[in-house]
Structures are given as C-alpha cells and as structure tokens.
Amino acid sequence: MAVASCVLGNDTHPSAETVLRKARERLPVISRATVYNTLNLLNEKGLLRQHPFGAGTVFDSNVSRHHHLIDEETGEMRDIPWEKLSVSGLESIKDAEITDYMIVIRGRFKKRRA
C-alpha cells in the first residue's frame, strides 16, 4: 500500500528510487526489492506505465494514451492530452508495423506568476 499510494492517482512521473524514498517516509522498513517488485506488478496489471527517459525509467499512473513535455532544467514531466498532438506519415514507414507511439517534447516551462 505504501508503494501504490506514492504513484497511483497523481500526475507525477517518479523513478523507482523516488518511490522508494517516499515509501520509506511512510514505512521505514520497506525494502528496495519490495518497491521494485510492486512497481513491476502494478505495471504488469496495467495500473502504471513504465517509460524509459534519460538515464532511467519513470512510472506514470496515467495509463491512457498521452504525450509528454519535459522541462530541460528541472526534469519535471507533464502530460499532454493525446488529442492535442498528432503525427502524420506513419503509413509511410513500410519496414515496421507501428503499434503505438508517444511524442516527447523537451523545453523549458514558463514561470508561473504568483
């Protein structure tokens, strides 16, 4: 439960190590293996999606089709609704059967005014 509460139902995209750190705030004795195994189980059951980004993997509780915007300065990742972006020309790729795609946009988030 400590692991699930750290990743499900929010819009963050934590790494396994971030989940481990947060889970240990709630349950100090939780092991790294338990966190990793639970994340893998949640992914297998379709409750999380696993995305390889940069040097590691992040976990996403938004399992609907969507794209991502990543802030190059902070590494923060935000979801972009699927219908906001589209790709043309997929049919021209003849040497592969495309089963899915996701657009990843990198940039700098505009500072929000208080």
C-alpha atoms as a PDB file:
ATOM      1  CA  MET A   1       0.000   0.000   0.000  1.00  0.00           C
ATOM      2  CA  ALA A   2       2.890   2.375   0.742  1.00  0.00           C
ATOM      3  CA  VAL A   3       4.193   1.979  -2.814  1.00  0.00           C
ATOM      4  CA  ALA A   4       0.817   2.317  -4.523  1.00  0.00           C
ATOM      5  CA  SER A   5      -0.012   5.495  -2.614  1.00  0.00           C
ATOM      6  CA  CYS A   6       3.227   7.071  -3.870  1.00  0.00           C
ATOM      7  CA  VAL A   7       2.439   6.578  -7.549  1.00  0.00           C
ATOM      8  CA  LEU A   8      -1.251   5.990  -8.184  1.00  0.00           C
ATOM      9  CA  GLY A   9      -3.690   8.839  -8.639  1.00  0.00           C
ATOM     10  CA  ASN A  10      -1.233  11.681  -9.132  1.00  0.00           C
ATOM     11  CA  ASP A  11       0.348  13.371 -12.119  1.00  0.00           C
ATOM     12  CA  THR A  12       3.986  12.926 -11.166  1.00  0.00           C
ATOM     13  CA  HIS A  13       6.369  10.649 -13.046  1.00  0.00           C
ATOM     14  CA  PRO A  14       8.655   9.284 -10.319  1.00  0.00           C
ATOM     15  CA  SER A  15      11.627   6.994 -10.706  1.00  0.00           C
ATOM     16  CA  ALA A  16      11.764   3.808  -8.645  1.00  0.00           C
ATOM     17  CA  GLU A  17      14.294   5.450  -6.326  1.00  0.00           C
ATOM     18  CA  THR A  18      11.941   8.393  -5.737  1.00  0.00           C
ATOM     19  CA  VAL A  19       9.131   5.965  -4.938  1.00  0.00           C
ATOM     20  CA  LEU A  20      11.458   4.102  -2.556  1.00  0.00           C
ATOM     21  CA  ARG A  21      12.355   7.328  -0.748  1.00  0.00           C
ATOM     22  CA  LYS A  22       8.699   8.388  -0.401  1.00  0.00           C
ATOM     23  CA  ALA A  23       7.575   4.903   0.633  1.00  0.00           C
ATOM     24  CA  ARG A  24      10.234   4.829   3.358  1.00  0.00           C
ATOM     25  CA  GLU A  25       8.821   8.083   4.757  1.00  0.00           C
ATOM     26  CA  ARG A  26       5.600   6.149   5.402  1.00  0.00           C
ATOM     27  CA  LEU A  27       7.086   2.738   6.093  1.00  0.00           C
ATOM     28  CA  PRO A  28      10.794   2.960   7.034  1.00  0.00           C
ATOM     29  CA  VAL A  29      11.376  -0.811   6.912  1.00  0.00           C
ATOM     30  CA  ILE A  30      10.205  -1.295   3.311  1.00  0.00           C
ATOM     31  CA  SER A  31      12.893  -2.890   1.154  1.00  0.00           C
ATOM     32  CA  ARG A  32      14.141  -1.802  -2.253  1.00  0.00           C
ATOM     33  CA  ALA A  33      13.119  -5.212  -3.654  1.00  0.00           C
ATOM     34  CA  THR A  34       9.545  -4.772  -2.401  1.00  0.00           C
ATOM     35  CA  VAL A  35       9.283  -1.359  -4.058  1.00  0.00           C
ATOM     36  CA  TYR A  36      10.704  -2.570  -7.376  1.00  0.00           C
ATOM     37  CA  ASN A  37       8.583  -5.737  -7.354  1.00  0.00           C
ATOM     38  CA  THR A  38       5.436  -3.760  -6.546  1.00  0.00           C
ATOM     39  CA  LEU A  39       6.121  -1.243  -9.322  1.00  0.00           C
ATOM     40  CA  ASN A  40       6.647  -4.084 -11.786  1.00  0.00           C
ATOM     41  CA  LEU A  41       3.423  -5.778 -10.644  1.00  0.00           C
ATOM     42  CA  LEU A  42       1.422  -2.533 -10.979  1.00  0.00           C
ATOM     43  CA  ASN A  43       2.889  -2.132 -14.467  1.00  0.00           C
ATOM     44  CA  GLU A  44       2.028  -5.731 -15.440  1.00  0.00           C
ATOM     45  CA  LYS A  45      -1.549  -5.268 -14.181  1.00  0.00           C
ATOM     46  CA  GLY A  46      -1.961  -2.122 -16.281  1.00  0.00           C
ATOM     47  CA  LEU A  47      -2.218   0.281 -13.352  1.00  0.00           C
ATOM     48  CA  LEU A  48       1.050   2.022 -14.252  1.00  0.00           C
ATOM     49  CA  ARG A  49       3.027   2.607 -17.406  1.00  0.00           C
ATOM     50  CA  GLN A  50       6.784   2.430 -17.452  1.00  0.00           C
ATOM     51  CA  HIS A  51       8.665   4.940 -19.649  1.00  0.00           C
ATOM     52  CA  PRO A  52      12.408   4.945 -20.338  1.00  0.00           C
ATOM     53  CA  PHE A  53      13.607   8.564 -20.210  1.00  0.00           C
ATOM     54  CA  GLY A  54      17.153   9.807 -19.965  1.00  0.00           C
ATOM     55  CA  ALA A  55      19.320   7.569 -17.855  1.00  0.00           C
ATOM     56  CA  GLY A  56      16.454   5.761 -16.179  1.00  0.00           C
ATOM     57  CA  THR A  57      12.835   4.748 -16.085  1.00  0.00           C
ATOM     58  CA  VAL A  58       9.865   6.649 -14.712  1.00  0.00           C
ATOM     59  CA  PHE A  59       6.439   5.382 -13.739  1.00  0.00           C
ATOM     60  CA  ASP A  60       3.215   7.013 -14.881  1.00  0.00           C
ATOM     61  CA  SER A  61      -0.193   6.413 -13.316  1.00  0.00           C
ATOM     62  CA  ASN A  62      -1.907   7.961 -16.336  1.00  0.00           C
ATOM     63  CA  VAL A  63      -2.387   4.809 -18.404  1.00  0.00           C
ATOM     64  CA  SER A  64      -4.478   6.495 -21.088  1.00  0.00           C
ATOM     65  CA  ARG A  65      -2.779   7.468 -24.348  1.00  0.00           C
ATOM     66  CA  HIS A  66      -0.957  10.774 -23.936  1.00  0.00           C
ATOM     67  CA  HIS A  67       2.274  12.569 -24.750  1.00  0.00           C
ATOM     68  CA  HIS A  68       4.896  14.212 -22.526  1.00  0.00           C
ATOM     69  CA  LEU A  69       6.538  17.600 -22.083  1.00  0.00           C
ATOM     70  CA  ILE A  70       9.821  17.563 -20.152  1.00  0.00           C
ATOM     71  CA  ASP A  71      11.455  20.631 -18.613  1.00  0.00           C
ATOM     72  CA  GLU A  72      15.143  20.521 -19.558  1.00  0.00           C
ATOM     73  CA  GLU A  73      16.203  22.445 -16.446  1.00  0.00           C
ATOM     74  CA  THR A  74      14.299  20.570 -13.755  1.00  0.00           C
ATOM     75  CA  GLY A  75      13.459  17.241 -15.383  1.00  0.00           C
ATOM     76  CA  GLU A  76       9.802  17.738 -14.433  1.00  0.00           C
ATOM     77  CA  MET A  77       7.454  15.929 -16.773  1.00  0.00           C
ATOM     78  CA  ARG A  78       3.902  16.912 -17.635  1.00  0.00           C
ATOM     79  CA  ASP A  79       1.246  15.068 -19.577  1.00  0.00           C
ATOM     80  CA  ILE A  80      -0.130  16.403 -22.849  1.00  0.00           C
ATOM     81  CA  PRO A  81      -3.583  15.079 -23.797  1.00  0.00           C
ATOM     82  CA  TRP A  82      -3.482  12.671 -26.755  1.00  0.00           C
ATOM     83  CA  GLU A  83      -5.798  14.737 -28.950  1.00  0.00           C
ATOM     84  CA  LYS A  84      -3.636  17.891 -28.652  1.00  0.00           C
ATOM     85  CA  LEU A  85      -0.878  16.487 -30.922  1.00  0.00           C
ATOM     86  CA  SER A  86      -0.799  14.263 -33.971  1.00  0.00           C
ATOM     87  CA  VAL A  87       1.772  12.671 -36.234  1.00  0.00           C
ATOM     88  CA  SER A  88       1.413  12.345 -39.967  1.00  0.00           C
ATOM     89  CA  GLY A  89       3.278   9.960 -42.212  1.00  0.00           C
ATOM     90  CA  LEU A  90       3.190   6.836 -40.066  1.00  0.00           C
ATOM     91  CA  GLU A  91       1.774   4.945 -43.033  1.00  0.00           C
ATOM     92  CA  SER A  92       4.972   5.699 -44.973  1.00  0.00           C
ATOM     93  CA  ILE A  93       7.014   3.521 -42.603  1.00  0.00           C
ATOM     94  CA  LYS A  94       6.980   0.297 -44.582  1.00  0.00           C
ATOM     95  CA  ASP A  95       9.597  -1.766 -42.743  1.00  0.00           C
ATOM     96  CA  ALA A  96       7.759  -1.856 -39.398  1.00  0.00           C
ATOM     97  CA  GLU A  97       4.301  -2.394 -38.030  1.00  0.00           C
ATOM     98  CA  ILE A  98       3.591   0.615 -35.818  1.00  0.00           C
ATOM     99  CA  THR A  99       1.623  -0.452 -32.741  1.00  0.00           C
ATOM    100  CA  ASP A 100       1.845   2.724 -30.687  1.00  0.00           C
ATOM    101  CA  TYR A 101       3.701   5.996 -30.412  1.00  0.00           C
ATOM    102  CA  MET A 102       4.245   8.786 -27.917  1.00  0.00           C
ATOM    103  CA  ILE A 103       5.553  12.273 -28.579  1.00  0.00           C
ATOM    104  CA  VAL A 104       8.106  13.643 -26.110  1.00  0.00           C
ATOM    105  CA  ILE A 105       8.711  17.385 -26.253  1.00  0.00           C
ATOM    106  CA  ARG A 106      11.601  18.963 -24.373  1.00  0.00           C
ATOM    107  CA  GLY A 107      11.826  22.618 -23.434  1.00  0.00           C
ATOM    108  CA  ARG A 108      11.577  24.978 -20.509  1.00  0.00           C
ATOM    109  CA  PHE A 109       8.361  25.567 -18.637  1.00  0.00           C
ATOM    110  CA  LYS A 110       7.261  29.172 -18.425  1.00  0.00           C
ATOM    111  CA  LYS A 111       7.486  30.547 -14.918  1.00  0.00           C
ATOM    112  CA  ARG A 112       4.100  30.925 -13.287  1.00  0.00           C
ATOM    113  CA  ARG A 113       3.288  34.283 -11.793  1.00  0.00           C
ATOM    114  CA  ALA A 114       2.096  34.375  -8.206  1.00  0.00           C
END
